[in-house]
Amino acid sequence: DVRRAVAERQSAIMLLASAPFTQLEPVVTKLLDARQPLDVQLSAVSALAASDDVGVARALLSGWKTHSPKVQTAALDAIFRHQQRLSALVDAIEQKTIPVQVLDSLRRSQLLSHPNESLGQRAQSLLAAQQSNPDQQQMLARYQAALAGLRDARRGQKLFEEQCQRCHSLQGRGTNLGPDLGGTKGRAEETLLLDILQPSAQITAGYRSYTVETVNGDSFTGILSAETATSITLPGETGK
């Protein structure tokens, strides 16, 4: 009942969590709609996660592309909480309904070390396929040769100002559409090169790009920085 207070609705959702899955699923699936308050959506994820039914993972992964970052993160946490749910996740990645980039390094390790050997091999194939693109490997090898050369900090600064600071910040300069680059200090140069050449290979949590289409046909793309039941905020490169 949308006329009720959010806290009251959350209590009702958690009460429903003890119901049979056939009663739970149709209700909480509706509550995972992006037009519902975020707290209601997160409670719906928690209610699903409390069930031990084999259909939980399928319900959590349904409508993935329309879920906000916080809901996606909560859904992944719930899926990785039970080993039996991971097979549905690998299925979804194989079917390309969910991008493999949603998995951070910890999640990837969990899949690769799964006690079910068959599932681990499927995950390994998926992750290897992402990294084995011949064109990307050739490009990486081409630029990797530059790591043996001399460094030019002035040229690097100019390049940062021309190309990078539209989305990233460093030492107080630039914008925050992407991760702050201050944390790159001390990282191996080979990994930095890979991040530059393949920026979408692994997306830092909170910085995934979203595209929104309005009922009027307008299209907007950006990082989802804020959301309510009635509005979302997508800052662009200019900060607008």
Protein backbone atom coordinates (compact mmCIF):
# COMPACT_ATOMS: atom_id res chain seq x y z
CA ASP A 1 0.00 0.00 0.00
CA VAL A 2 1.84 3.11 -1.26
CA ARG A 3 -0.22 5.28 1.11
CA ARG A 4 1.47 3.70 4.13
CA ALA A 5 4.69 4.97 5.67
CA VAL A 6 7.86 3.38 4.33
CA ALA A 7 8.79 1.95 7.75
CA GLU A 8 5.39 0.29 8.04
CA ARG A 9 5.71 -1.17 4.56
CA GLN A 10 9.17 -2.52 5.42
CA SER A 11 7.79 -4.28 8.49
CA ALA A 12 5.08 -5.87 6.38
CA ILE A 13 7.65 -7.04 3.82
CA MET A 14 9.77 -8.73 6.50
CA LEU A 15 6.66 -10.42 7.89
CA LEU A 16 5.92 -11.71 4.39
CA ALA A 17 9.47 -13.13 4.23
CA SER A 18 8.29 -16.12 6.29
CA ALA A 19 5.53 -16.95 3.80
CA PRO A 20 5.84 -19.72 1.20
CA PHE A 21 7.92 -18.65 -1.81
CA THR A 22 4.89 -18.87 -4.10
CA GLN A 23 3.28 -16.07 -2.06
CA LEU A 24 6.47 -14.12 -1.44
CA GLU A 25 7.86 -13.89 -4.98
CA PRO A 26 5.02 -12.12 -6.85
CA VAL A 27 4.74 -9.41 -4.19
CA VAL A 28 8.43 -8.61 -3.69
CA THR A 29 9.09 -8.75 -7.44
CA LYS A 30 6.63 -5.88 -7.87
CA LEU A 31 8.39 -4.01 -5.05
CA LEU A 32 11.72 -4.20 -6.91
CA ASP A 33 10.35 -1.64 -9.36
CA ALA A 34 12.62 1.42 -9.59
CA ARG A 35 9.63 3.67 -8.85
CA GLN A 36 9.35 2.25 -5.35
CA PRO A 37 11.28 3.93 -2.51
CA LEU A 38 14.82 2.59 -2.29
CA ASP A 39 14.32 1.31 1.28
CA VAL A 40 11.30 -0.67 0.13
CA GLN A 41 13.32 -2.20 -2.71
CA LEU A 42 16.14 -3.17 -0.34
CA SER A 43 13.65 -4.75 2.06
CA ALA A 44 12.25 -6.74 -0.85
CA VAL A 45 15.76 -8.05 -1.59
CA SER A 46 16.22 -8.99 2.09
CA ALA A 47 12.90 -10.82 2.12
CA LEU A 48 13.92 -12.85 -0.92
CA ALA A 49 17.34 -13.55 0.57
CA ALA A 50 15.71 -15.03 3.68
CA SER A 51 14.05 -17.75 1.61
CA ASP A 52 15.84 -21.01 0.82
CA ASP A 53 13.80 -21.65 -2.33
CA VAL A 54 15.76 -22.46 -5.49
CA GLY A 55 13.94 -19.65 -7.30
CA VAL A 56 15.47 -16.86 -5.18
CA ALA A 57 18.40 -16.18 -7.50
CA ARG A 58 16.13 -16.04 -10.56
CA ALA A 59 13.87 -13.52 -8.83
CA LEU A 60 16.82 -11.38 -7.73
CA LEU A 61 18.33 -11.35 -11.23
CA SER A 62 15.06 -10.57 -12.98
CA GLY A 63 14.98 -7.01 -14.31
CA TRP A 64 18.66 -6.54 -13.46
CA LYS A 65 19.27 -3.70 -15.93
CA THR A 66 16.60 -1.53 -14.33
CA HIS A 67 17.92 -1.94 -10.78
CA SER A 68 19.89 0.87 -9.20
CA PRO A 69 23.49 0.32 -7.97
CA LYS A 70 22.45 -0.23 -4.34
CA VAL A 71 19.79 -2.76 -5.27
CA GLN A 72 22.21 -4.59 -7.58
CA THR A 73 24.82 -4.73 -4.81
CA ALA A 74 22.27 -6.04 -2.30
CA ALA A 75 21.10 -8.66 -4.82
CA LEU A 76 24.67 -9.84 -5.46
CA ASP A 77 25.32 -10.07 -1.71
CA ALA A 78 22.19 -12.21 -1.34
CA ILE A 79 23.17 -14.48 -4.24
CA PHE A 80 26.71 -15.06 -2.98
CA ARG A 81 25.34 -15.84 0.49
CA HIS A 82 24.25 -19.30 -0.70
CA GLN A 83 26.30 -21.51 -2.99
CA GLN A 84 23.20 -22.95 -4.66
CA ARG A 85 22.31 -19.52 -6.07
CA LEU A 86 25.57 -19.04 -7.98
CA SER A 87 24.62 -21.35 -10.82
CA ALA A 88 21.77 -19.00 -11.81
CA LEU A 89 24.22 -16.08 -11.75
CA VAL A 90 26.65 -17.86 -14.07
CA ASP A 91 23.72 -18.76 -16.35
CA ALA A 92 22.75 -15.08 -16.55
CA ILE A 93 26.32 -14.02 -17.37
CA GLU A 94 26.57 -16.71 -20.06
CA GLN A 95 23.29 -15.50 -21.55
CA LYS A 96 24.61 -11.90 -21.39
CA THR A 97 21.59 -10.69 -19.43
CA ILE A 98 24.09 -9.57 -16.78
CA PRO A 99 27.55 -8.18 -17.68
CA VAL A 100 30.55 -9.98 -16.21
CA GLN A 101 31.92 -6.56 -15.21
CA VAL A 102 29.55 -6.46 -12.23
CA LEU A 103 31.85 -8.94 -10.48
CA ASP A 104 34.66 -7.39 -8.48
CA SER A 105 37.91 -9.27 -7.82
CA LEU A 106 36.56 -10.86 -4.62
CA ARG A 107 33.41 -12.14 -6.33
CA ARG A 108 35.47 -13.52 -9.21
CA SER A 109 37.69 -15.39 -6.79
CA GLN A 110 34.64 -16.84 -5.05
CA LEU A 111 33.31 -18.18 -8.33
CA LEU A 112 36.66 -19.59 -9.46
CA SER A 113 37.16 -21.40 -6.15
CA HIS A 114 33.60 -22.77 -6.00
CA PRO A 115 33.50 -26.33 -4.60
CA ASN A 116 31.37 -27.38 -7.57
CA GLU A 117 34.11 -28.07 -10.13
CA SER A 118 31.79 -27.73 -13.11
CA LEU A 119 30.57 -24.30 -11.99
CA GLY A 120 34.14 -23.15 -11.35
CA GLN A 121 35.17 -24.19 -14.85
CA ARG A 122 32.23 -22.33 -16.39
CA ALA A 123 33.21 -19.20 -14.46
CA GLN A 124 36.82 -19.59 -15.53
CA SER A 125 35.77 -19.80 -19.18
CA LEU A 126 33.67 -16.65 -18.87
CA LEU A 127 36.43 -14.63 -17.24
CA ALA A 128 39.08 -15.94 -19.64
CA ALA A 129 36.93 -15.03 -22.63
CA GLN A 130 36.72 -11.47 -21.37
CA GLN A 131 40.51 -11.18 -21.23
CA SER A 132 41.43 -13.10 -24.38
CA ASN A 133 40.24 -10.68 -27.07
CA PRO A 134 43.09 -10.79 -29.66
CA ASP A 135 42.70 -7.14 -30.63
CA GLN A 136 42.89 -6.05 -26.99
CA GLN A 137 45.94 -8.23 -26.40
CA GLN A 138 47.71 -6.71 -29.40
CA MET A 139 46.87 -3.19 -28.25
CA LEU A 140 48.11 -3.99 -24.75
CA ALA A 141 51.39 -5.38 -26.09
CA ARG A 142 51.87 -2.30 -28.27
CA TYR A 143 51.51 0.12 -25.37
CA GLN A 144 53.31 -2.11 -22.89
CA ALA A 145 56.56 -1.41 -24.75
CA ALA A 146 56.28 2.23 -23.67
CA LEU A 147 56.74 1.23 -20.01
CA ALA A 148 60.43 0.66 -20.72
CA GLY A 149 60.89 4.27 -21.83
CA LEU A 150 61.55 7.49 -19.90
CA ARG A 151 58.74 9.27 -18.04
CA ASP A 152 57.65 12.84 -18.82
CA ALA A 153 55.50 14.22 -16.01
CA ARG A 154 54.70 17.44 -17.90
CA ARG A 155 53.30 15.57 -20.89
CA GLY A 156 51.40 13.32 -18.47
CA GLN A 157 49.86 16.31 -16.73
CA LYS A 158 48.82 17.83 -20.04
CA LEU A 159 47.24 14.55 -21.10
CA PHE A 160 45.39 14.33 -17.79
CA GLU A 161 44.00 17.84 -18.27
CA GLU A 162 42.95 17.13 -21.87
CA GLN A 163 41.51 13.65 -21.48
CA CYS A 164 41.10 12.46 -17.90
CA GLN A 165 39.91 15.28 -15.66
CA ARG A 166 36.55 15.46 -17.43
CA CYS A 167 35.61 12.38 -15.38
CA HIS A 168 38.38 11.88 -12.78
CA SER A 169 39.97 13.97 -10.07
CA LEU A 170 43.57 14.05 -8.87
CA GLN A 171 45.05 16.27 -6.16
CA GLY A 172 41.90 18.39 -6.07
CA ARG A 173 41.66 18.92 -9.83
CA GLY A 174 39.02 17.49 -12.14
CA THR A 175 35.55 16.06 -11.52
CA ASN A 176 34.15 13.07 -9.63
CA LEU A 177 32.21 11.25 -12.33
CA GLY A 178 34.79 8.45 -12.06
CA PRO A 179 36.99 7.21 -9.19
CA ASP A 180 39.56 9.57 -7.66
CA LEU A 181 42.93 8.69 -9.20
CA GLY A 182 44.84 9.43 -5.99
CA GLY A 183 44.55 5.76 -5.08
CA THR A 184 46.61 4.70 -8.11
CA LYS A 185 49.89 5.72 -6.48
CA GLY A 186 52.04 2.69 -5.84
CA ARG A 187 50.07 0.37 -8.13
CA ALA A 188 51.96 -1.69 -10.70
CA GLU A 189 52.29 0.17 -13.99
CA GLU A 190 51.05 -2.85 -15.96
CA THR A 191 47.72 -2.79 -14.09
CA LEU A 192 47.37 0.96 -14.63
CA LEU A 193 47.96 0.45 -18.35
CA LEU A 194 45.27 -2.21 -18.46
CA ASP A 195 42.81 0.08 -16.64
CA ILE A 196 43.49 2.87 -19.14
CA LEU A 197 43.13 0.70 -22.23
CA GLN A 198 40.18 -1.34 -20.94
CA PRO A 199 38.34 1.01 -18.56
CA SER A 200 35.15 -1.05 -18.60
CA ALA A 201 36.79 -4.41 -17.85
CA GLN A 202 35.99 -3.93 -14.18
CA ILE A 203 33.84 -1.08 -12.92
CA THR A 204 34.51 0.39 -9.47
CA ALA A 205 31.43 0.11 -7.26
CA GLY A 206 29.24 3.20 -7.55
CA TYR A 207 30.62 4.32 -10.92
CA ARG A 208 28.61 2.29 -13.39
CA SER A 209 27.10 4.32 -16.22
CA TYR A 210 23.31 4.36 -16.65
CA THR A 211 21.16 5.43 -19.58
CA VAL A 212 17.72 6.87 -18.87
CA GLU A 213 15.02 7.25 -21.50
CA THR A 214 12.14 9.58 -20.71
CA VAL A 215 8.55 9.14 -21.86
CA ASN A 216 9.18 12.11 -24.20
CA GLY A 217 11.93 10.21 -25.99
CA ASP A 218 14.90 12.07 -24.48
CA SER A 219 17.98 10.05 -23.50
CA PHE A 220 20.45 10.85 -20.71
CA THR A 221 23.61 8.97 -19.71
CA GLY A 222 25.72 9.34 -16.58
CA ILE A 223 26.59 8.01 -13.15
CA LEU A 224 23.57 7.53 -10.89
CA SER A 225 24.52 9.78 -7.99
CA ALA A 226 21.17 10.05 -6.19
CA GLU A 227 17.71 8.52 -6.34
CA THR A 228 14.31 8.79 -4.69
CA ALA A 229 10.96 7.21 -5.51
CA THR A 230 10.21 10.09 -7.89
CA SER A 231 13.58 11.34 -9.17
CA ILE A 232 17.12 10.38 -10.13
CA THR A 233 20.28 12.46 -10.57
CA LEU A 234 22.75 11.81 -13.41
CA PRO A 235 25.58 14.37 -13.41
CA GLY A 236 27.22 14.86 -16.82
CA GLU A 237 30.80 15.73 -17.74
CA THR A 238 30.15 19.45 -17.25
CA GLY A 239 28.68 18.81 -13.80
CA LYS A 240 25.15 19.65 -15.00
